[in-house]
Amino acid sequence: MRASKQSQQFARQLVRLSLADGQISAERVSGVLAHLEKHPPRQPLVVLRIYYRLVSIEIAKSRALVEHAGPITDGSLHAIEASFTRKYQRSITATAQPNPALVAGLRIRVGDDVYESSIAGQLAALSSPV
């Protein structure tokens, strides 16, 4: 079933209600879900799927996934958190994930943004046609 424009707008409103200080609040999400349980919308599954996707996107905006080829220190992760917190002007939490395919360097994802500084990324850029 395709989502109607009305369902999409309603899900966006629910996401706005789920925000506290610009970030998703677990308490507010619980409140939104409790309200939806008592007062189901016209297309409840469609609205919930859209809401879930939009909440996931909002949560991803506050997390930095740091892929690394070699070891990474806690100090480096804290420096990355501080740097991205200043850049995005919201609290960012960094988590490390080893990725030997990078050869060396880092790849950092914050939401849809990707910051690439790895040997694998440089080799891929060199091999792609201009």
N, C-alpha and C. Protein backbone atom coordinates (compact mmCIF):
# COMPACT_ATOMS: atom_id res chain seq x y z
N MET A 1 0.84 -1.16 0.00
CA MET A 1 0.00 0.00 0.00
C MET A 1 0.90 1.24 0.00
N ARG A 2 0.62 2.15 -0.87
CA ARG A 2 1.40 3.38 -0.99
C ARG A 2 0.93 4.39 0.05
N ALA A 3 1.90 5.08 0.62
CA ALA A 3 1.59 6.06 1.65
C ALA A 3 0.98 7.31 1.03
N SER A 4 -0.10 7.74 1.62
CA SER A 4 -0.73 8.97 1.15
C SER A 4 0.05 10.17 1.68
N LYS A 5 -0.14 11.29 1.03
CA LYS A 5 0.52 12.52 1.48
C LYS A 5 0.11 12.86 2.90
N GLN A 6 -1.13 12.60 3.22
CA GLN A 6 -1.65 12.88 4.55
C GLN A 6 -0.94 12.00 5.60
N SER A 7 -0.72 10.73 5.28
CA SER A 7 -0.01 9.83 6.21
C SER A 7 1.43 10.29 6.41
N GLN A 8 2.08 10.72 5.35
CA GLN A 8 3.45 11.20 5.45
C GLN A 8 3.53 12.45 6.31
N GLN A 9 2.61 13.38 6.11
CA GLN A 9 2.60 14.60 6.91
C GLN A 9 2.33 14.29 8.38
N PHE A 10 1.42 13.37 8.63
CA PHE A 10 1.09 12.99 10.00
C PHE A 10 2.31 12.37 10.68
N ALA A 11 3.03 11.49 9.97
CA ALA A 11 4.23 10.86 10.53
C ALA A 11 5.30 11.91 10.83
N ARG A 12 5.43 12.91 9.97
CA ARG A 12 6.41 14.00 10.22
C ARG A 12 6.03 14.79 11.47
N GLN A 13 4.73 15.01 11.65
CA GLN A 13 4.27 15.71 12.86
C GLN A 13 4.60 14.89 14.11
N LEU A 14 4.43 13.57 14.00
CA LEU A 14 4.75 12.70 15.13
C LEU A 14 6.24 12.76 15.46
N VAL A 15 7.07 12.84 14.44
CA VAL A 15 8.52 12.95 14.68
C VAL A 15 8.83 14.26 15.39
N ARG A 16 8.20 15.35 14.95
CA ARG A 16 8.42 16.65 15.62
C ARG A 16 8.01 16.57 17.09
N LEU A 17 6.93 15.86 17.37
CA LEU A 17 6.49 15.69 18.76
C LEU A 17 7.46 14.81 19.55
N SER A 18 8.24 13.99 18.87
CA SER A 18 9.18 13.08 19.52
C SER A 18 10.51 13.73 19.85
N LEU A 19 10.71 14.97 19.39
CA LEU A 19 11.97 15.66 19.61
C LEU A 19 11.96 16.44 20.92
N ALA A 20 13.08 16.39 21.62
CA ALA A 20 13.31 17.21 22.81
C ALA A 20 14.71 17.77 22.68
N ASP A 21 14.82 19.07 22.65
CA ASP A 21 16.12 19.74 22.46
C ASP A 21 16.78 19.31 21.16
N GLY A 22 15.99 19.11 20.13
CA GLY A 22 16.52 18.78 18.81
C GLY A 22 16.91 17.33 18.60
N GLN A 23 16.67 16.48 19.60
CA GLN A 23 17.01 15.06 19.48
C GLN A 23 15.82 14.20 19.88
N ILE A 24 15.79 13.00 19.35
CA ILE A 24 14.71 12.06 19.67
C ILE A 24 14.77 11.71 21.15
N SER A 25 13.63 11.80 21.81
CA SER A 25 13.52 11.50 23.23
C SER A 25 12.74 10.19 23.38
N ALA A 26 13.31 9.26 24.12
CA ALA A 26 12.65 7.97 24.33
C ALA A 26 11.30 8.13 25.02
N GLU A 27 11.23 9.07 25.96
CA GLU A 27 9.97 9.30 26.67
C GLU A 27 8.90 9.83 25.73
N ARG A 28 9.31 10.75 24.86
CA ARG A 28 8.33 11.32 23.93
C ARG A 28 7.89 10.29 22.89
N VAL A 29 8.81 9.44 22.45
CA VAL A 29 8.44 8.37 21.51
C VAL A 29 7.43 7.44 22.17
N SER A 30 7.66 7.10 23.43
CA SER A 30 6.71 6.25 24.16
C SER A 30 5.34 6.91 24.24
N GLY A 31 5.33 8.22 24.49
CA GLY A 31 4.07 8.95 24.55
C GLY A 31 3.35 8.96 23.21
N VAL A 32 4.09 9.17 22.14
CA VAL A 32 3.51 9.17 20.80
C VAL A 32 2.92 7.80 20.48
N LEU A 33 3.67 6.74 20.79
CA LEU A 33 3.18 5.39 20.50
C LEU A 33 1.96 5.03 21.36
N ALA A 34 1.95 5.47 22.61
CA ALA A 34 0.78 5.23 23.48
C ALA A 34 -0.45 5.94 22.92
N HIS A 35 -0.25 7.18 22.44
CA HIS A 35 -1.37 7.92 21.84
C HIS A 35 -1.88 7.22 20.58
N LEU A 36 -0.95 6.73 19.76
CA LEU A 36 -1.36 6.04 18.53
C LEU A 36 -2.11 4.74 18.84
N GLU A 37 -1.74 4.10 19.94
CA GLU A 37 -2.42 2.86 20.31
C GLU A 37 -3.86 3.15 20.73
N LYS A 38 -4.06 4.25 21.44
CA LYS A 38 -5.41 4.61 21.88
C LYS A 38 -6.25 5.22 20.75
N HIS A 39 -5.57 5.97 19.88
CA HIS A 39 -6.26 6.65 18.79
C HIS A 39 -5.58 6.31 17.46
N PRO A 40 -5.83 5.11 16.93
CA PRO A 40 -5.13 4.71 15.70
C PRO A 40 -5.48 5.62 14.52
N PRO A 41 -4.50 5.97 13.71
CA PRO A 41 -4.77 6.79 12.53
C PRO A 41 -5.46 5.96 11.45
N ARG A 42 -5.72 6.60 10.35
CA ARG A 42 -6.45 5.97 9.26
C ARG A 42 -5.71 4.77 8.69
N GLN A 43 -4.42 4.89 8.44
CA GLN A 43 -3.60 3.78 7.93
C GLN A 43 -2.48 3.54 8.95
N PRO A 44 -2.78 2.84 10.03
CA PRO A 44 -1.81 2.75 11.13
C PRO A 44 -0.46 2.13 10.75
N LEU A 45 -0.46 1.05 9.98
CA LEU A 45 0.81 0.42 9.61
C LEU A 45 1.65 1.31 8.71
N VAL A 46 1.00 2.00 7.81
CA VAL A 46 1.72 2.91 6.91
C VAL A 46 2.33 4.04 7.71
N VAL A 47 1.54 4.63 8.60
CA VAL A 47 2.03 5.74 9.42
C VAL A 47 3.19 5.27 10.31
N LEU A 48 3.06 4.09 10.91
CA LEU A 48 4.13 3.58 11.78
C LEU A 48 5.40 3.29 11.00
N ARG A 49 5.27 2.77 9.80
CA ARG A 49 6.48 2.52 8.98
C ARG A 49 7.19 3.82 8.64
N ILE A 50 6.44 4.83 8.26
CA ILE A 50 7.03 6.13 7.93
C ILE A 50 7.65 6.74 9.18
N TYR A 51 6.93 6.67 10.28
CA TYR A 51 7.43 7.21 11.55
C TYR A 51 8.74 6.52 11.95
N TYR A 52 8.78 5.21 11.85
CA TYR A 52 9.99 4.43 12.18
C TYR A 52 11.17 4.87 11.32
N ARG A 53 10.94 5.02 10.02
CA ARG A 53 12.01 5.43 9.10
C ARG A 53 12.51 6.82 9.46
N LEU A 54 11.59 7.75 9.72
CA LEU A 54 11.98 9.12 10.04
C LEU A 54 12.70 9.22 11.39
N VAL A 55 12.27 8.43 12.37
CA VAL A 55 12.94 8.41 13.67
C VAL A 55 14.35 7.83 13.51
N SER A 56 14.48 6.78 12.71
CA SER A 56 15.81 6.20 12.46
C SER A 56 16.75 7.21 11.82
N ILE A 57 16.25 8.00 10.91
CA ILE A 57 17.05 9.03 10.26
C ILE A 57 17.49 10.07 11.28
N GLU A 58 16.57 10.49 12.15
CA GLU A 58 16.91 11.49 13.17
C GLU A 58 17.96 10.95 14.15
N ILE A 59 17.83 9.70 14.53
CA ILE A 59 18.81 9.10 15.44
C ILE A 59 20.18 9.02 14.76
N ALA A 60 20.21 8.64 13.49
CA ALA A 60 21.48 8.54 12.76
C ALA A 60 22.19 9.88 12.65
N LYS A 61 21.44 10.98 12.68
CA LYS A 61 22.05 12.31 12.61
C LYS A 61 22.86 12.64 13.86
N SER A 62 22.65 11.90 14.94
CA SER A 62 23.35 12.17 16.19
C SER A 62 24.43 11.13 16.47
N ARG A 63 24.71 10.27 15.52
CA ARG A 63 25.72 9.23 15.71
C ARG A 63 26.75 9.28 14.60
N ALA A 64 27.99 9.13 15.00
CA ALA A 64 29.09 9.05 14.03
C ALA A 64 29.62 7.63 14.07
N LEU A 65 29.50 6.93 12.95
CA LEU A 65 30.06 5.59 12.84
C LEU A 65 31.45 5.74 12.26
N VAL A 66 32.45 5.41 13.04
CA VAL A 66 33.85 5.58 12.63
C VAL A 66 34.39 4.21 12.22
N GLU A 67 34.53 4.00 10.93
CA GLU A 67 35.12 2.77 10.42
C GLU A 67 36.62 2.99 10.33
N HIS A 68 37.39 2.01 10.79
CA HIS A 68 38.84 2.15 10.82
C HIS A 68 39.50 0.83 10.43
N ALA A 69 40.69 0.94 9.82
CA ALA A 69 41.42 -0.24 9.40
C ALA A 69 42.30 -0.76 10.53
N GLY A 70 42.96 0.12 11.23
CA GLY A 70 43.84 -0.26 12.33
C GLY A 70 43.22 0.09 13.66
N PRO A 71 44.02 0.05 14.71
CA PRO A 71 43.48 0.39 16.03
C PRO A 71 43.16 1.88 16.13
N ILE A 72 42.18 2.19 16.95
CA ILE A 72 41.79 3.58 17.20
C ILE A 72 41.64 3.76 18.71
N THR A 73 42.15 4.86 19.21
CA THR A 73 42.13 5.09 20.65
C THR A 73 40.84 5.78 21.08
N ASP A 74 40.55 5.68 22.36
CA ASP A 74 39.38 6.37 22.91
C ASP A 74 39.54 7.88 22.77
N GLY A 75 40.77 8.35 22.90
CA GLY A 75 41.03 9.78 22.74
C GLY A 75 40.68 10.26 21.34
N SER A 76 40.99 9.44 20.35
CA SER A 76 40.64 9.80 18.96
C SER A 76 39.13 9.86 18.78
N LEU A 77 38.44 8.90 19.36
CA LEU A 77 36.97 8.89 19.27
C LEU A 77 36.37 10.12 19.95
N HIS A 78 36.92 10.49 21.10
CA HIS A 78 36.42 11.68 21.80
C HIS A 78 36.70 12.94 20.98
N ALA A 79 37.86 13.00 20.34
CA ALA A 79 38.19 14.16 19.50
C ALA A 79 37.25 14.24 18.30
N ILE A 80 36.91 13.09 17.72
CA ILE A 80 35.96 13.04 16.60
C ILE A 80 34.58 13.52 17.07
N GLU A 81 34.15 13.02 18.24
CA GLU A 81 32.87 13.46 18.80
C GLU A 81 32.84 14.97 18.99
N ALA A 82 33.89 15.52 19.59
CA ALA A 82 33.95 16.96 19.85
C ALA A 82 33.94 17.76 18.55
N SER A 83 34.69 17.29 17.57
CA SER A 83 34.77 17.99 16.30
C SER A 83 33.42 18.01 15.58
N PHE A 84 32.75 16.86 15.53
CA PHE A 84 31.46 16.79 14.84
C PHE A 84 30.34 17.46 15.65
N THR A 85 30.46 17.47 16.97
CA THR A 85 29.50 18.20 17.79
C THR A 85 29.56 19.68 17.47
N ARG A 86 30.78 20.21 17.33
CA ARG A 86 30.93 21.62 16.94
C ARG A 86 30.42 21.86 15.52
N LYS A 87 30.76 20.96 14.60
CA LYS A 87 30.37 21.13 13.20
C LYS A 87 28.85 21.12 13.03
N TYR A 88 28.18 20.17 13.65
CA TYR A 88 26.73 20.02 13.47
C TYR A 88 25.91 20.79 14.51
N GLN A 89 26.57 21.30 15.52
CA GLN A 89 25.91 22.06 16.59
C GLN A 89 24.83 21.24 17.30
N ARG A 90 25.13 19.99 17.49
CA ARG A 90 24.29 19.10 18.29
C ARG A 90 25.20 17.98 18.82
N SER A 91 24.78 17.32 19.84
CA SER A 91 25.59 16.27 20.46
C SER A 91 25.73 15.08 19.51
N ILE A 92 26.97 14.68 19.25
CA ILE A 92 27.27 13.54 18.38
C ILE A 92 28.00 12.50 19.20
N THR A 93 27.59 11.24 19.08
CA THR A 93 28.25 10.14 19.75
C THR A 93 28.96 9.29 18.72
N ALA A 94 30.24 9.01 18.96
CA ALA A 94 31.03 8.23 18.00
C ALA A 94 31.15 6.78 18.48
N THR A 95 31.00 5.86 17.53
CA THR A 95 31.23 4.45 17.81
C THR A 95 32.20 3.92 16.77
N ALA A 96 33.11 3.08 17.21
CA ALA A 96 34.14 2.54 16.32
C ALA A 96 33.70 1.20 15.75
N GLN A 97 34.05 0.98 14.49
CA GLN A 97 33.76 -0.29 13.83
C GLN A 97 34.95 -0.64 12.94
N PRO A 98 35.65 -1.74 13.23
CA PRO A 98 36.79 -2.12 12.40
C PRO A 98 36.35 -2.49 10.98
N ASN A 99 37.15 -2.06 10.00
CA ASN A 99 36.88 -2.37 8.59
C ASN A 99 38.22 -2.54 7.88
N PRO A 100 38.75 -3.77 7.83
CA PRO A 100 40.06 -3.99 7.22
C PRO A 100 40.11 -3.65 5.73
N ALA A 101 38.97 -3.57 5.07
CA ALA A 101 38.94 -3.25 3.64
C ALA A 101 39.39 -1.82 3.36
N LEU A 102 39.43 -0.98 4.38
CA LEU A 102 39.87 0.41 4.19
C LEU A 102 41.38 0.50 3.98
N VAL A 103 42.13 -0.54 4.29
CA VAL A 103 43.58 -0.64 4.22
C VAL A 103 44.21 0.23 5.32
N ALA A 104 43.97 1.53 5.29
CA ALA A 104 44.43 2.46 6.33
C ALA A 104 43.53 3.69 6.30
N GLY A 105 43.43 4.38 7.42
CA GLY A 105 42.62 5.60 7.47
C GLY A 105 41.26 5.37 8.09
N LEU A 106 40.37 6.35 7.86
CA LEU A 106 39.04 6.35 8.47
C LEU A 106 37.95 6.65 7.45
N ARG A 107 36.76 6.16 7.75
CA ARG A 107 35.54 6.57 7.05
C ARG A 107 34.52 6.85 8.15
N ILE A 108 34.00 8.07 8.16
CA ILE A 108 33.07 8.47 9.22
C ILE A 108 31.73 8.80 8.59
N ARG A 109 30.67 8.21 9.13
CA ARG A 109 29.30 8.47 8.66
C ARG A 109 28.50 9.13 9.78
N VAL A 110 27.94 10.27 9.45
CA VAL A 110 27.02 10.96 10.36
C VAL A 110 25.75 11.19 9.56
N GLY A 111 24.70 10.42 9.88
CA GLY A 111 23.48 10.50 9.08
C GLY A 111 23.78 10.08 7.65
N ASP A 112 23.49 10.96 6.69
CA ASP A 112 23.76 10.68 5.28
C ASP A 112 25.13 11.18 4.84
N ASP A 113 25.82 11.91 5.70
CA ASP A 113 27.12 12.47 5.35
C ASP A 113 28.22 11.43 5.57
N VAL A 114 29.12 11.31 4.60
CA VAL A 114 30.25 10.39 4.70
C VAL A 114 31.53 11.18 4.51
N TYR A 115 32.45 11.02 5.47
CA TYR A 115 33.75 11.66 5.40
C TYR A 115 34.78 10.55 5.21
N GLU A 116 35.42 10.56 4.06
CA GLU A 116 36.33 9.48 3.67
C GLU A 116 37.76 9.97 3.71
N SER A 117 38.58 9.28 4.47
CA SER A 117 40.01 9.55 4.50
C SER A 117 40.74 8.23 4.65
N SER A 118 40.57 7.37 3.64
CA SER A 118 41.18 6.05 3.70
C SER A 118 41.92 5.77 2.40
N ILE A 119 42.82 4.82 2.46
CA ILE A 119 43.56 4.40 1.27
C ILE A 119 42.60 3.81 0.25
N ALA A 120 41.64 2.99 0.71
CA ALA A 120 40.67 2.39 -0.21
C ALA A 120 39.87 3.46 -0.95
N GLY A 121 39.48 4.52 -0.24
CA GLY A 121 38.73 5.62 -0.88
C GLY A 121 39.57 6.36 -1.89
N GLN A 122 40.86 6.58 -1.57
CA GLN A 122 41.75 7.27 -2.50
C GLN A 122 42.00 6.41 -3.74
N LEU A 123 42.17 5.12 -3.57
CA LEU A 123 42.37 4.22 -4.72
C LEU A 123 41.12 4.17 -5.59
N ALA A 124 39.96 4.16 -4.97
CA ALA A 124 38.71 4.15 -5.73
C ALA A 124 38.56 5.44 -6.53
N ALA A 125 38.94 6.56 -5.94
CA ALA A 125 38.87 7.85 -6.65
C ALA A 125 39.83 7.89 -7.82
N LEU A 126 41.00 7.29 -7.67
CA LEU A 126 41.98 7.26 -8.76
C LEU A 126 41.54 6.35 -9.91
N SER A 127 40.85 5.26 -9.57
CA SER A 127 40.45 4.32 -10.62
C SER A 127 39.16 4.70 -11.34
N SER A 128 38.39 5.65 -10.77
CA SER A 128 37.15 6.03 -11.44
C SER A 128 37.45 6.98 -12.61
N PRO A 129 36.71 6.84 -13.72
CA PRO A 129 36.93 7.71 -14.86
C PRO A 129 36.49 9.14 -14.56
N VAL A 130 37.16 10.08 -15.14
CA VAL A 130 36.86 11.50 -14.90
C VAL A 130 35.79 11.99 -15.80
